[in-house]
mmCIF file of all heavy atoms, coordinates in Angstrom:
data_MODEL
# 
_entry.id   MODEL 
# 
loop_
_atom_site.group_PDB 
_atom_site.id 
_atom_site.type_symbol 
_atom_site.label_atom_id 
_atom_site.label_alt_id 
_atom_site.label_comp_id 
_atom_site.label_asym_id 
_atom_site.label_entity_id 
_atom_site.label_seq_id 
_atom_site.pdbx_PDB_ins_code 
_atom_site.Cartn_x 
_atom_site.Cartn_y 
_atom_site.Cartn_z 
_atom_site.occupancy 
_atom_site.B_iso_or_equiv 
_atom_site.pdbx_formal_charge 
_atom_site.auth_seq_id 
_atom_site.auth_comp_id 
_atom_site.auth_asym_id 
_atom_site.auth_atom_id 
_atom_site.pdbx_PDB_model_num 
ATOM 1   N N   . LEU A 1 1  ? 121.637 -30.804 -114.175 1.00 0.00 ? 1  LEU A N   1 
ATOM 2   C CA  . LEU A 1 1  ? 121.782 -32.211 -113.766 1.00 0.00 ? 1  LEU A CA  1 
ATOM 3   C C   . LEU A 1 1  ? 121.340 -33.220 -114.885 1.00 0.00 ? 1  LEU A C   1 
ATOM 4   O O   . LEU A 1 1  ? 122.053 -34.264 -114.971 1.00 0.00 ? 1  LEU A O   1 
ATOM 5   C CB  . LEU A 1 1  ? 120.682 -32.480 -112.652 1.00 0.00 ? 1  LEU A CB  1 
ATOM 6   C CG  . LEU A 1 1  ? 121.040 -31.939 -111.242 1.00 0.00 ? 1  LEU A CG  1 
ATOM 7   C CD1 . LEU A 1 1  ? 119.808 -31.913 -110.416 1.00 0.00 ? 1  LEU A CD1 1 
ATOM 8   C CD2 . LEU A 1 1  ? 122.219 -32.739 -110.545 1.00 0.00 ? 1  LEU A CD2 1 
ATOM 9   N N   . LYS A 1 2  ? 120.506 -32.916 -115.715 1.00 0.00 ? 2  LYS A N   1 
ATOM 10  C CA  . LYS A 1 2  ? 120.036 -33.734 -116.815 1.00 0.00 ? 2  LYS A CA  1 
ATOM 11  C C   . LYS A 1 2  ? 121.071 -33.734 -118.025 1.00 0.00 ? 2  LYS A C   1 
ATOM 12  O O   . LYS A 1 2  ? 121.239 -34.698 -118.781 1.00 0.00 ? 2  LYS A O   1 
ATOM 13  C CB  . LYS A 1 2  ? 118.666 -33.231 -117.340 1.00 0.00 ? 2  LYS A CB  1 
ATOM 14  C CG  . LYS A 1 2  ? 118.115 -34.205 -118.485 1.00 0.00 ? 2  LYS A CG  1 
ATOM 15  C CD  . LYS A 1 2  ? 116.695 -33.727 -118.834 1.00 0.00 ? 2  LYS A CD  1 
ATOM 16  C CE  . LYS A 1 2  ? 116.152 -34.682 -119.846 1.00 0.00 ? 2  LYS A CE  1 
ATOM 17  N NZ  . LYS A 1 2  ? 115.975 -35.978 -119.459 1.00 0.00 ? 2  LYS A NZ  1 
ATOM 18  N N   . TYR A 1 3  ? 121.779 -32.525 -118.234 1.00 0.00 ? 3  TYR A N   1 
ATOM 19  C CA  . TYR A 1 3  ? 122.583 -32.442 -119.391 1.00 0.00 ? 3  TYR A CA  1 
ATOM 20  C C   . TYR A 1 3  ? 124.013 -32.138 -118.954 1.00 0.00 ? 3  TYR A C   1 
ATOM 21  O O   . TYR A 1 3  ? 124.479 -30.937 -119.002 1.00 0.00 ? 3  TYR A O   1 
ATOM 22  C CB  . TYR A 1 3  ? 122.079 -31.442 -120.396 1.00 0.00 ? 3  TYR A CB  1 
ATOM 23  C CG  . TYR A 1 3  ? 120.672 -31.674 -120.864 1.00 0.00 ? 3  TYR A CG  1 
ATOM 24  C CD1 . TYR A 1 3  ? 119.610 -30.936 -120.294 1.00 0.00 ? 3  TYR A CD1 1 
ATOM 25  C CD2 . TYR A 1 3  ? 120.352 -32.655 -121.723 1.00 0.00 ? 3  TYR A CD2 1 
ATOM 26  C CE1 . TYR A 1 3  ? 118.349 -31.133 -120.743 1.00 0.00 ? 3  TYR A CE1 1 
ATOM 27  C CE2 . TYR A 1 3  ? 119.199 -32.899 -122.264 1.00 0.00 ? 3  TYR A CE2 1 
ATOM 28  C CZ  . TYR A 1 3  ? 118.107 -32.135 -121.672 1.00 0.00 ? 3  TYR A CZ  1 
ATOM 29  O OH  . TYR A 1 3  ? 116.803 -32.457 -122.159 1.00 0.00 ? 3  TYR A OH  1 
ATOM 30  N N   . PRO A 1 4  ? 124.825 -33.004 -118.478 1.00 0.00 ? 4  PRO A N   1 
ATOM 31  C CA  . PRO A 1 4  ? 126.083 -32.808 -117.952 1.00 0.00 ? 4  PRO A CA  1 
ATOM 32  C C   . PRO A 1 4  ? 127.145 -32.357 -119.043 1.00 0.00 ? 4  PRO A C   1 
ATOM 33  O O   . PRO A 1 4  ? 128.189 -31.642 -118.656 1.00 0.00 ? 4  PRO A O   1 
ATOM 34  C CB  . PRO A 1 4  ? 126.641 -34.063 -117.442 1.00 0.00 ? 4  PRO A CB  1 
ATOM 35  C CG  . PRO A 1 4  ? 125.777 -35.126 -118.141 1.00 0.00 ? 4  PRO A CG  1 
ATOM 36  C CD  . PRO A 1 4  ? 124.525 -34.507 -118.351 1.00 0.00 ? 4  PRO A CD  1 
ATOM 37  N N   . ASN A 1 5  ? 126.881 -32.375 -120.320 1.00 0.00 ? 5  ASN A N   1 
ATOM 38  C CA  . ASN A 1 5  ? 127.825 -31.967 -121.345 1.00 0.00 ? 5  ASN A CA  1 
ATOM 39  C C   . ASN A 1 5  ? 127.492 -30.602 -121.832 1.00 0.00 ? 5  ASN A C   1 
ATOM 40  O O   . ASN A 1 5  ? 127.849 -30.201 -122.894 1.00 0.00 ? 5  ASN A O   1 
ATOM 41  C CB  . ASN A 1 5  ? 127.781 -33.001 -122.435 1.00 0.00 ? 5  ASN A CB  1 
ATOM 42  C CG  . ASN A 1 5  ? 128.383 -34.289 -122.115 1.00 0.00 ? 5  ASN A CG  1 
ATOM 43  O OD1 . ASN A 1 5  ? 129.353 -34.440 -121.311 1.00 0.00 ? 5  ASN A OD1 1 
ATOM 44  N ND2 . ASN A 1 5  ? 127.836 -35.399 -122.558 1.00 0.00 ? 5  ASN A ND2 1 
ATOM 45  N N   . ILE A 1 6  ? 126.632 -29.903 -121.130 1.00 0.00 ? 6  ILE A N   1 
ATOM 46  C CA  . ILE A 1 6  ? 126.238 -28.561 -121.445 1.00 0.00 ? 6  ILE A CA  1 
ATOM 47  C C   . ILE A 1 6  ? 126.610 -27.677 -120.227 1.00 0.00 ? 6  ILE A C   1 
ATOM 48  O O   . ILE A 1 6  ? 126.349 -28.084 -119.035 1.00 0.00 ? 6  ILE A O   1 
ATOM 49  C CB  . ILE A 1 6  ? 124.800 -28.319 -121.765 1.00 0.00 ? 6  ILE A CB  1 
ATOM 50  C CG1 . ILE A 1 6  ? 124.470 -29.118 -122.955 1.00 0.00 ? 6  ILE A CG1 1 
ATOM 51  C CG2 . ILE A 1 6  ? 124.420 -26.822 -122.050 1.00 0.00 ? 6  ILE A CG2 1 
ATOM 52  C CD1 . ILE A 1 6  ? 123.059 -29.057 -123.478 1.00 0.00 ? 6  ILE A CD1 1 
ATOM 53  N N   . ASN A 1 7  ? 127.151 -26.558 -120.455 1.00 0.00 ? 7  ASN A N   1 
ATOM 54  C CA  . ASN A 1 7  ? 127.531 -25.629 -119.332 1.00 0.00 ? 7  ASN A CA  1 
ATOM 55  C C   . ASN A 1 7  ? 126.317 -24.635 -119.102 1.00 0.00 ? 7  ASN A C   1 
ATOM 56  O O   . ASN A 1 7  ? 125.986 -23.928 -120.089 1.00 0.00 ? 7  ASN A O   1 
ATOM 57  C CB  . ASN A 1 7  ? 128.809 -24.869 -119.607 1.00 0.00 ? 7  ASN A CB  1 
ATOM 58  C CG  . ASN A 1 7  ? 130.087 -25.703 -119.672 1.00 0.00 ? 7  ASN A CG  1 
ATOM 59  O OD1 . ASN A 1 7  ? 130.145 -26.762 -118.927 1.00 0.00 ? 7  ASN A OD1 1 
ATOM 60  N ND2 . ASN A 1 7  ? 130.922 -25.394 -120.601 1.00 0.00 ? 7  ASN A ND2 1 
ATOM 61  N N   . PHE A 1 8  ? 125.879 -24.516 -117.920 1.00 0.00 ? 8  PHE A N   1 
ATOM 62  C CA  . PHE A 1 8  ? 124.723 -23.589 -117.665 1.00 0.00 ? 8  PHE A CA  1 
ATOM 63  C C   . PHE A 1 8  ? 125.150 -22.478 -116.658 1.00 0.00 ? 8  PHE A C   1 
ATOM 64  O O   . PHE A 1 8  ? 125.899 -22.716 -115.666 1.00 0.00 ? 8  PHE A O   1 
ATOM 65  C CB  . PHE A 1 8  ? 123.644 -24.452 -117.017 1.00 0.00 ? 8  PHE A CB  1 
ATOM 66  C CG  . PHE A 1 8  ? 122.934 -25.436 -117.947 1.00 0.00 ? 8  PHE A CG  1 
ATOM 67  C CD1 . PHE A 1 8  ? 123.345 -26.752 -117.891 1.00 0.00 ? 8  PHE A CD1 1 
ATOM 68  C CD2 . PHE A 1 8  ? 121.889 -25.029 -118.772 1.00 0.00 ? 8  PHE A CD2 1 
ATOM 69  C CE1 . PHE A 1 8  ? 122.757 -27.674 -118.817 1.00 0.00 ? 8  PHE A CE1 1 
ATOM 70  C CE2 . PHE A 1 8  ? 121.319 -25.925 -119.505 1.00 0.00 ? 8  PHE A CE2 1 
ATOM 71  C CZ  . PHE A 1 8  ? 121.689 -27.275 -119.643 1.00 0.00 ? 8  PHE A CZ  1 
ATOM 72  N N   . ILE A 1 9  ? 124.531 -21.343 -116.994 1.00 0.00 ? 9  ILE A N   1 
ATOM 73  C CA  . ILE A 1 9  ? 124.918 -20.169 -116.236 1.00 0.00 ? 9  ILE A CA  1 
ATOM 74  C C   . ILE A 1 9  ? 123.478 -19.498 -115.866 1.00 0.00 ? 9  ILE A C   1 
ATOM 75  O O   . ILE A 1 9  ? 122.847 -19.104 -116.826 1.00 0.00 ? 9  ILE A O   1 
ATOM 76  C CB  . ILE A 1 9  ? 125.785 -19.119 -116.900 1.00 0.00 ? 9  ILE A CB  1 
ATOM 77  C CG1 . ILE A 1 9  ? 127.184 -19.736 -117.216 1.00 0.00 ? 9  ILE A CG1 1 
ATOM 78  C CG2 . ILE A 1 9  ? 125.942 -17.952 -116.011 1.00 0.00 ? 9  ILE A CG2 1 
ATOM 79  C CD1 . ILE A 1 9  ? 128.083 -18.875 -118.039 1.00 0.00 ? 9  ILE A CD1 1 
ATOM 80  N N   . GLY A 1 10 ? 123.235 -19.290 -114.630 1.00 0.00 ? 10 GLY A N   1 
ATOM 81  C CA  . GLY A 1 10 ? 122.018 -18.654 -114.179 1.00 0.00 ? 10 GLY A CA  1 
ATOM 82  C C   . GLY A 1 10 ? 122.354 -17.296 -113.621 1.00 0.00 ? 10 GLY A C   1 
ATOM 83  O O   . GLY A 1 10 ? 123.244 -17.114 -112.946 1.00 0.00 ? 10 GLY A O   1 
ATOM 84  N N   . ILE A 1 11 ? 121.539 -16.353 -114.176 1.00 0.00 ? 11 ILE A N   1 
ATOM 85  C CA  . ILE A 1 11 ? 121.717 -14.939 -113.936 1.00 0.00 ? 11 ILE A CA  1 
ATOM 86  C C   . ILE A 1 11 ? 120.442 -14.327 -113.143 1.00 0.00 ? 11 ILE A C   1 
ATOM 87  O O   . ILE A 1 11 ? 119.346 -14.516 -113.564 1.00 0.00 ? 11 ILE A O   1 
ATOM 88  C CB  . ILE A 1 11 ? 122.008 -14.144 -115.130 1.00 0.00 ? 11 ILE A CB  1 
ATOM 89  C CG1 . ILE A 1 11 ? 123.147 -14.690 -115.841 1.00 0.00 ? 11 ILE A CG1 1 
ATOM 90  C CG2 . ILE A 1 11 ? 122.116 -12.804 -114.884 1.00 0.00 ? 11 ILE A CG2 1 
ATOM 91  C CD1 . ILE A 1 11 ? 123.411 -14.178 -117.312 1.00 0.00 ? 11 ILE A CD1 1 
ATOM 92  N N   . GLU A 1 12 ? 120.663 -13.744 -111.988 1.00 0.00 ? 12 GLU A N   1 
ATOM 93  C CA  . GLU A 1 12 ? 119.649 -13.239 -111.267 1.00 0.00 ? 12 GLU A CA  1 
ATOM 94  C C   . GLU A 1 12 ? 120.253 -11.856 -110.484 1.00 0.00 ? 12 GLU A C   1 
ATOM 95  O O   . GLU A 1 12 ? 121.330 -11.877 -110.130 1.00 0.00 ? 12 GLU A O   1 
ATOM 96  C CB  . GLU A 1 12 ? 119.060 -14.185 -110.292 1.00 0.00 ? 12 GLU A CB  1 
ATOM 97  C CG  . GLU A 1 12 ? 117.960 -13.700 -109.343 1.00 0.00 ? 12 GLU A CG  1 
ATOM 98  C CD  . GLU A 1 12 ? 116.813 -13.160 -110.079 1.00 0.00 ? 12 GLU A CD  1 
ATOM 99  O OE1 . GLU A 1 12 ? 116.209 -13.901 -110.870 1.00 0.00 ? 12 GLU A OE1 1 
ATOM 100 O OE2 . GLU A 1 12 ? 116.419 -11.926 -109.893 1.00 0.00 ? 12 GLU A OE2 1 
ATOM 101 N N   . LYS A 1 13 ? 119.378 -10.829 -110.455 1.00 0.00 ? 13 LYS A N   1 
ATOM 102 C CA  . LYS A 1 13 ? 119.922 -9.678  -109.722 1.00 0.00 ? 13 LYS A CA  1 
ATOM 103 C C   . LYS A 1 13 ? 119.604 -9.372  -108.231 1.00 0.00 ? 13 LYS A C   1 
ATOM 104 O O   . LYS A 1 13 ? 120.103 -8.538  -107.663 1.00 0.00 ? 13 LYS A O   1 
ATOM 105 C CB  . LYS A 1 13 ? 119.447 -8.466  -110.603 1.00 0.00 ? 13 LYS A CB  1 
ATOM 106 C CG  . LYS A 1 13 ? 118.000 -8.176  -110.479 1.00 0.00 ? 13 LYS A CG  1 
ATOM 107 C CD  . LYS A 1 13 ? 117.712 -6.816  -111.313 1.00 0.00 ? 13 LYS A CD  1 
ATOM 108 C CE  . LYS A 1 13 ? 116.176 -6.532  -111.303 1.00 0.00 ? 13 LYS A CE  1 
ATOM 109 N NZ  . LYS A 1 13 ? 115.915 -5.288  -112.060 1.00 0.00 ? 13 LYS A NZ  1 
ATOM 110 N N   . PHE A 1 14 ? 118.598 -10.259 -107.764 1.00 0.00 ? 14 PHE A N   1 
ATOM 111 C CA  . PHE A 1 14 ? 118.143 -9.962  -106.297 1.00 0.00 ? 14 PHE A CA  1 
ATOM 112 C C   . PHE A 1 14 ? 118.869 -10.964 -105.486 1.00 0.00 ? 14 PHE A C   1 
ATOM 113 O O   . PHE A 1 14 ? 118.809 -12.241 -105.595 1.00 0.00 ? 14 PHE A O   1 
ATOM 114 C CB  . PHE A 1 14 ? 116.667 -10.194 -106.280 1.00 0.00 ? 14 PHE A CB  1 
ATOM 115 C CG  . PHE A 1 14 ? 115.936 -9.131  -106.982 1.00 0.00 ? 14 PHE A CG  1 
ATOM 116 C CD1 . PHE A 1 14 ? 115.256 -9.500  -108.235 1.00 0.00 ? 14 PHE A CD1 1 
ATOM 117 C CD2 . PHE A 1 14 ? 115.907 -7.845  -106.710 1.00 0.00 ? 14 PHE A CD2 1 
ATOM 118 C CE1 . PHE A 1 14 ? 114.597 -8.610  -108.855 1.00 0.00 ? 14 PHE A CE1 1 
ATOM 119 C CE2 . PHE A 1 14 ? 115.159 -6.926  -107.320 1.00 0.00 ? 14 PHE A CE2 1 
ATOM 120 C CZ  . PHE A 1 14 ? 114.534 -7.320  -108.492 1.00 0.00 ? 14 PHE A CZ  1 
ATOM 121 N N   . ASP A 1 15 ? 119.527 -10.504 -104.411 1.00 0.00 ? 15 ASP A N   1 
ATOM 122 C CA  . ASP A 1 15 ? 120.289 -11.332 -103.435 1.00 0.00 ? 15 ASP A CA  1 
ATOM 123 C C   . ASP A 1 15 ? 119.424 -12.494 -102.831 1.00 0.00 ? 15 ASP A C   1 
ATOM 124 O O   . ASP A 1 15 ? 119.935 -13.555 -102.786 1.00 0.00 ? 15 ASP A O   1 
ATOM 125 C CB  . ASP A 1 15 ? 120.862 -10.405 -102.320 1.00 0.00 ? 15 ASP A CB  1 
ATOM 126 C CG  . ASP A 1 15 ? 122.035 -9.640  -102.944 1.00 0.00 ? 15 ASP A CG  1 
ATOM 127 O OD1 . ASP A 1 15 ? 122.469 -9.723  -104.072 1.00 0.00 ? 15 ASP A OD1 1 
ATOM 128 O OD2 . ASP A 1 15 ? 122.541 -8.713  -102.069 1.00 0.00 ? 15 ASP A OD2 1 
ATOM 129 N N   . SER A 1 16 ? 118.306 -12.133 -102.421 1.00 0.00 ? 16 SER A N   1 
ATOM 130 C CA  . SER A 1 16 ? 117.501 -13.086 -101.615 1.00 0.00 ? 16 SER A CA  1 
ATOM 131 C C   . SER A 1 16 ? 117.159 -14.312 -102.579 1.00 0.00 ? 16 SER A C   1 
ATOM 132 O O   . SER A 1 16 ? 117.053 -15.486 -102.207 1.00 0.00 ? 16 SER A O   1 
ATOM 133 C CB  . SER A 1 16 ? 116.255 -12.516 -101.020 1.00 0.00 ? 16 SER A CB  1 
ATOM 134 O OG  . SER A 1 16 ? 116.578 -11.650 -99.966  1.00 0.00 ? 16 SER A OG  1 
ATOM 135 N N   . ILE A 1 17 ? 116.793 -13.983 -103.898 1.00 0.00 ? 17 ILE A N   1 
ATOM 136 C CA  . ILE A 1 17 ? 116.484 -15.024 -104.850 1.00 0.00 ? 17 ILE A CA  1 
ATOM 137 C C   . ILE A 1 17 ? 117.698 -15.865 -105.146 1.00 0.00 ? 17 ILE A C   1 
ATOM 138 O O   . ILE A 1 17 ? 117.639 -17.046 -105.305 1.00 0.00 ? 17 ILE A O   1 
ATOM 139 C CB  . ILE A 1 17 ? 115.805 -14.430 -106.120 1.00 0.00 ? 17 ILE A CB  1 
ATOM 140 C CG1 . ILE A 1 17 ? 114.596 -13.739 -105.713 1.00 0.00 ? 17 ILE A CG1 1 
ATOM 141 C CG2 . ILE A 1 17 ? 115.497 -15.436 -107.125 1.00 0.00 ? 17 ILE A CG2 1 
ATOM 142 C CD1 . ILE A 1 17 ? 113.841 -13.077 -106.865 1.00 0.00 ? 17 ILE A CD1 1 
ATOM 143 N N   . VAL A 1 18 ? 118.877 -15.155 -105.381 1.00 0.00 ? 18 VAL A N   1 
ATOM 144 C CA  . VAL A 1 18 ? 120.119 -15.929 -105.616 1.00 0.00 ? 18 VAL A CA  1 
ATOM 145 C C   . VAL A 1 18 ? 120.432 -16.921 -104.433 1.00 0.00 ? 18 VAL A C   1 
ATOM 146 O O   . VAL A 1 18 ? 120.768 -18.072 -104.686 1.00 0.00 ? 18 VAL A O   1 
ATOM 147 C CB  . VAL A 1 18 ? 121.288 -14.960 -105.766 1.00 0.00 ? 18 VAL A CB  1 
ATOM 148 C CG1 . VAL A 1 18 ? 122.580 -15.719 -105.812 1.00 0.00 ? 18 VAL A CG1 1 
ATOM 149 C CG2 . VAL A 1 18 ? 121.083 -14.129 -106.993 1.00 0.00 ? 18 VAL A CG2 1 
ATOM 150 N N   . ALA A 1 19 ? 120.144 -16.418 -103.224 1.00 0.00 ? 19 ALA A N   1 
ATOM 151 C CA  . ALA A 1 19 ? 120.454 -17.304 -102.059 1.00 0.00 ? 19 ALA A CA  1 
ATOM 152 C C   . ALA A 1 19 ? 119.526 -18.473 -102.056 1.00 0.00 ? 19 ALA A C   1 
ATOM 153 O O   . ALA A 1 19 ? 120.023 -19.596 -101.695 1.00 0.00 ? 19 ALA A O   1 
ATOM 154 C CB  . ALA A 1 19 ? 120.243 -16.508 -100.805 1.00 0.00 ? 19 ALA A CB  1 
ATOM 155 N N   . LYS A 1 20 ? 118.274 -18.339 -102.298 1.00 0.00 ? 20 LYS A N   1 
ATOM 156 C CA  . LYS A 1 20 ? 117.390 -19.397 -102.322 1.00 0.00 ? 20 LYS A CA  1 
ATOM 157 C C   . LYS A 1 20 ? 117.749 -20.397 -103.390 1.00 0.00 ? 20 LYS A C   1 
ATOM 158 O O   . LYS A 1 20 ? 117.688 -21.702 -103.203 1.00 0.00 ? 20 LYS A O   1 
ATOM 159 C CB  . LYS A 1 20 ? 115.906 -18.866 -102.808 1.00 0.00 ? 20 LYS A CB  1 
ATOM 160 C CG  . LYS A 1 20 ? 115.268 -18.216 -101.508 1.00 0.00 ? 20 LYS A CG  1 
ATOM 161 C CD  . LYS A 1 20 ? 113.922 -17.647 -101.932 1.00 0.00 ? 20 LYS A CD  1 
ATOM 162 C CE  . LYS A 1 20 ? 113.216 -16.973 -100.791 1.00 0.00 ? 20 LYS A CE  1 
ATOM 163 N NZ  . LYS A 1 20 ? 111.909 -16.454 -101.128 1.00 0.00 ? 20 LYS A NZ  1 
ATOM 164 N N   . CYS A 1 21 ? 118.316 -19.991 -104.603 1.00 0.00 ? 21 CYS A N   1 
ATOM 165 C CA  . CYS A 1 21 ? 118.782 -20.920 -105.611 1.00 0.00 ? 21 CYS A CA  1 
ATOM 166 C C   . CYS A 1 21 ? 119.962 -21.651 -105.092 1.00 0.00 ? 21 CYS A C   1 
ATOM 167 O O   . CYS A 1 21 ? 120.072 -22.835 -105.229 1.00 0.00 ? 21 CYS A O   1 
ATOM 168 C CB  . CYS A 1 21 ? 119.106 -20.105 -106.930 1.00 0.00 ? 21 CYS A CB  1 
ATOM 169 S SG  . CYS A 1 21 ? 119.894 -21.045 -108.148 1.00 0.00 ? 21 CYS A SG  1 
ATOM 170 N N   . LEU A 1 22 ? 120.933 -20.961 -104.505 1.00 0.00 ? 22 LEU A N   1 
ATOM 171 C CA  . LEU A 1 22 ? 122.119 -21.518 -104.073 1.00 0.00 ? 22 LEU A CA  1 
ATOM 172 C C   . LEU A 1 22 ? 121.956 -22.634 -103.080 1.00 0.00 ? 22 LEU A C   1 
ATOM 173 O O   . LEU A 1 22 ? 122.712 -23.712 -103.034 1.00 0.00 ? 22 LEU A O   1 
ATOM 174 C CB  . LEU A 1 22 ? 123.106 -20.497 -103.547 1.00 0.00 ? 22 LEU A CB  1 
ATOM 175 C CG  . LEU A 1 22 ? 123.648 -19.456 -104.480 1.00 0.00 ? 22 LEU A CG  1 
ATOM 176 C CD1 . LEU A 1 22 ? 124.446 -18.408 -103.705 1.00 0.00 ? 22 LEU A CD1 1 
ATOM 177 C CD2 . LEU A 1 22 ? 124.552 -20.113 -105.495 1.00 0.00 ? 22 LEU A CD2 1 
ATOM 178 N N   . LYS A 1 23 ? 120.899 -22.564 -102.251 1.00 0.00 ? 23 LYS A N   1 
ATOM 179 C CA  . LYS A 1 23 ? 120.720 -23.492 -101.253 1.00 0.00 ? 23 LYS A CA  1 
ATOM 180 C C   . LYS A 1 23 ? 120.166 -24.863 -101.842 1.00 0.00 ? 23 LYS A C   1 
ATOM 181 O O   . LYS A 1 23 ? 120.213 -25.902 -101.273 1.00 0.00 ? 23 LYS A O   1 
ATOM 182 C CB  . LYS A 1 23 ? 119.552 -23.017 -100.216 1.00 0.00 ? 23 LYS A CB  1 
ATOM 183 C CG  . LYS A 1 23 ? 120.114 -21.914 -99.308  1.00 0.00 ? 23 LYS A CG  1 
ATOM 184 C CD  . LYS A 1 23 ? 118.957 -21.240 -98.559  1.00 0.00 ? 23 LYS A CD  1 
ATOM 185 C CE  . LYS A 1 23 ? 118.248 -22.180 -97.689  1.00 0.00 ? 23 LYS A CE  1 
ATOM 186 N NZ  . LYS A 1 23 ? 117.244 -21.543 -96.838  1.00 0.00 ? 23 LYS A NZ  1 
ATOM 187 N N   . LYS A 1 24 ? 119.582 -24.799 -103.099 1.00 0.00 ? 24 LYS A N   1 
ATOM 188 C CA  . LYS A 1 24 ? 119.106 -25.909 -103.692 1.00 0.00 ? 24 LYS A CA  1 
ATOM 189 C C   . LYS A 1 24 ? 120.039 -26.778 -104.466 1.00 0.00 ? 24 LYS A C   1 
ATOM 190 O O   . LYS A 1 24 ? 119.834 -27.977 -104.915 1.00 0.00 ? 24 LYS A O   1 
ATOM 191 C CB  . LYS A 1 24 ? 117.946 -25.489 -104.726 1.00 0.00 ? 24 LYS A CB  1 
ATOM 192 C CG  . LYS A 1 24 ? 116.683 -24.897 -104.050 1.00 0.00 ? 24 LYS A CG  1 
ATOM 193 C CD  . LYS A 1 24 ? 115.700 -24.503 -105.172 1.00 0.00 ? 24 LYS A CD  1 
ATOM 194 C CE  . LYS A 1 24 ? 114.536 -23.821 -104.683 1.00 0.00 ? 24 LYS A CE  1 
ATOM 195 N NZ  . LYS A 1 24 ? 113.576 -23.515 -105.660 1.00 0.00 ? 24 LYS A NZ  1 
ATOM 196 N N   . ILE A 1 25 ? 121.199 -26.222 -104.842 1.00 0.00 ? 25 ILE A N   1 
ATOM 197 C CA  . ILE A 1 25 ? 122.072 -26.869 -105.707 1.00 0.00 ? 25 ILE A CA  1 
ATOM 198 C C   . ILE A 1 25 ? 122.881 -27.890 -104.938 1.00 0.00 ? 25 ILE A C   1 
ATOM 199 O O   . ILE A 1 25 ? 123.470 -27.744 -103.914 1.00 0.00 ? 25 ILE A O   1 
ATOM 200 C CB  . ILE A 1 25 ? 123.199 -25.816 -106.299 1.00 0.00 ? 25 ILE A CB  1 
ATOM 201 C CG1 . ILE A 1 25 ? 122.469 -24.653 -106.858 1.00 0.00 ? 25 ILE A CG1 1 
ATOM 202 C CG2 . ILE A 1 25 ? 124.145 -26.518 -107.242 1.00 0.00 ? 25 ILE A CG2 1 
ATOM 203 C CD1 . ILE A 1 25 ? 123.511 -23.611 -107.409 1.00 0.00 ? 25 ILE A CD1 1 
ATOM 204 N N   . PRO A 1 26 ? 122.937 -29.132 -105.546 1.00 0.00 ? 26 PRO A N   1 
ATOM 205 C CA  . PRO A 1 26 ? 123.588 -30.283 -104.921 1.00 0.00 ? 26 PRO A CA  1 
ATOM 206 C C   . PRO A 1 26 ? 125.126 -30.194 -105.146 1.00 0.00 ? 26 PRO A C   1 
ATOM 207 O O   . PRO A 1 26 ? 125.541 -29.431 -106.004 1.00 0.00 ? 26 PRO A O   1 
ATOM 208 C CB  . PRO A 1 26 ? 123.042 -31.550 -105.630 1.00 0.00 ? 26 PRO A CB  1 
ATOM 209 C CG  . PRO A 1 26 ? 122.619 -31.062 -106.915 1.00 0.00 ? 26 PRO A CG  1 
ATOM 210 C CD  . PRO A 1 26 ? 122.079 -29.601 -106.726 1.00 0.00 ? 26 PRO A CD  1 
ATOM 211 N N   . ASP A 1 27 ? 125.829 -30.801 -104.162 1.00 0.00 ? 27 ASP A N   1 
ATOM 212 C CA  . ASP A 1 27 ? 127.351 -30.796 -104.372 1.00 0.00 ? 27 ASP A CA  1 
ATOM 213 C C   . ASP A 1 27 ? 127.771 -31.529 -105.652 1.00 0.00 ? 27 ASP A C   1 
ATOM 214 O O   . ASP A 1 27 ? 127.143 -32.491 -106.136 1.00 0.00 ? 27 ASP A O   1 
ATOM 215 C CB  . ASP A 1 27 ? 127.946 -31.538 -103.201 1.00 0.00 ? 27 ASP A CB  1 
ATOM 216 C CG  . ASP A 1 27 ? 127.694 -30.762 -101.922 1.00 0.00 ? 27 ASP A CG  1 
ATOM 217 O OD1 . ASP A 1 27 ? 127.520 -29.496 -102.045 1.00 0.00 ? 27 ASP A OD1 1 
ATOM 218 O OD2 . ASP A 1 27 ? 127.753 -31.389 -100.802 1.00 0.00 ? 27 ASP A OD2 1 
ATOM 219 N N   . GLY A 1 28 ? 128.856 -31.146 -106.239 1.00 0.00 ? 28 GLY A N   1 
ATOM 220 C CA  . GLY A 1 28 ? 129.420 -31.765 -107.392 1.00 0.00 ? 28 GLY A CA  1 
ATOM 221 C C   . GLY A 1 28 ? 128.839 -31.499 -108.769 1.00 0.00 ? 28 GLY A C   1 
ATOM 222 O O   . GLY A 1 28 ? 129.178 -32.281 -109.644 1.00 0.00 ? 28 GLY A O   1 
ATOM 223 N N   . LEU A 1 29 ? 128.114 -30.345 -108.777 1.00 0.00 ? 29 LEU A N   1 
ATOM 224 C CA  . LEU A 1 29 ? 127.523 -30.076 -110.137 1.00 0.00 ? 29 LEU A CA  1 
ATOM 225 C C   . LEU A 1 29 ? 128.498 -29.138 -110.875 1.00 0.00 ? 29 LEU A C   1 
ATOM 226 O O   . LEU A 1 29 ? 128.513 -27.883 -110.774 1.00 0.00 ? 29 LEU A O   1 
ATOM 227 C CB  . LEU A 1 29 ? 126.211 -29.415 -109.934 1.00 0.00 ? 29 LEU A CB  1 
ATOM 228 C CG  . LEU A 1 29 ? 125.147 -29.460 -111.037 1.00 0.00 ? 29 LEU A CG  1 
ATOM 229 C CD1 . LEU A 1 29 ? 124.911 -30.848 -111.640 1.00 0.00 ? 29 LEU A CD1 1 
ATOM 230 C CD2 . LEU A 1 29 ? 123.907 -28.810 -110.757 1.00 0.00 ? 29 LEU A CD2 1 
# 
């Protein structure tokens, strides 16, 4: 959100933690 000119990739191996992250992401990022 703070740095729109940088591409970010988050990596996580646990499904439940990934799901918690995905629920937080706003639209249009």
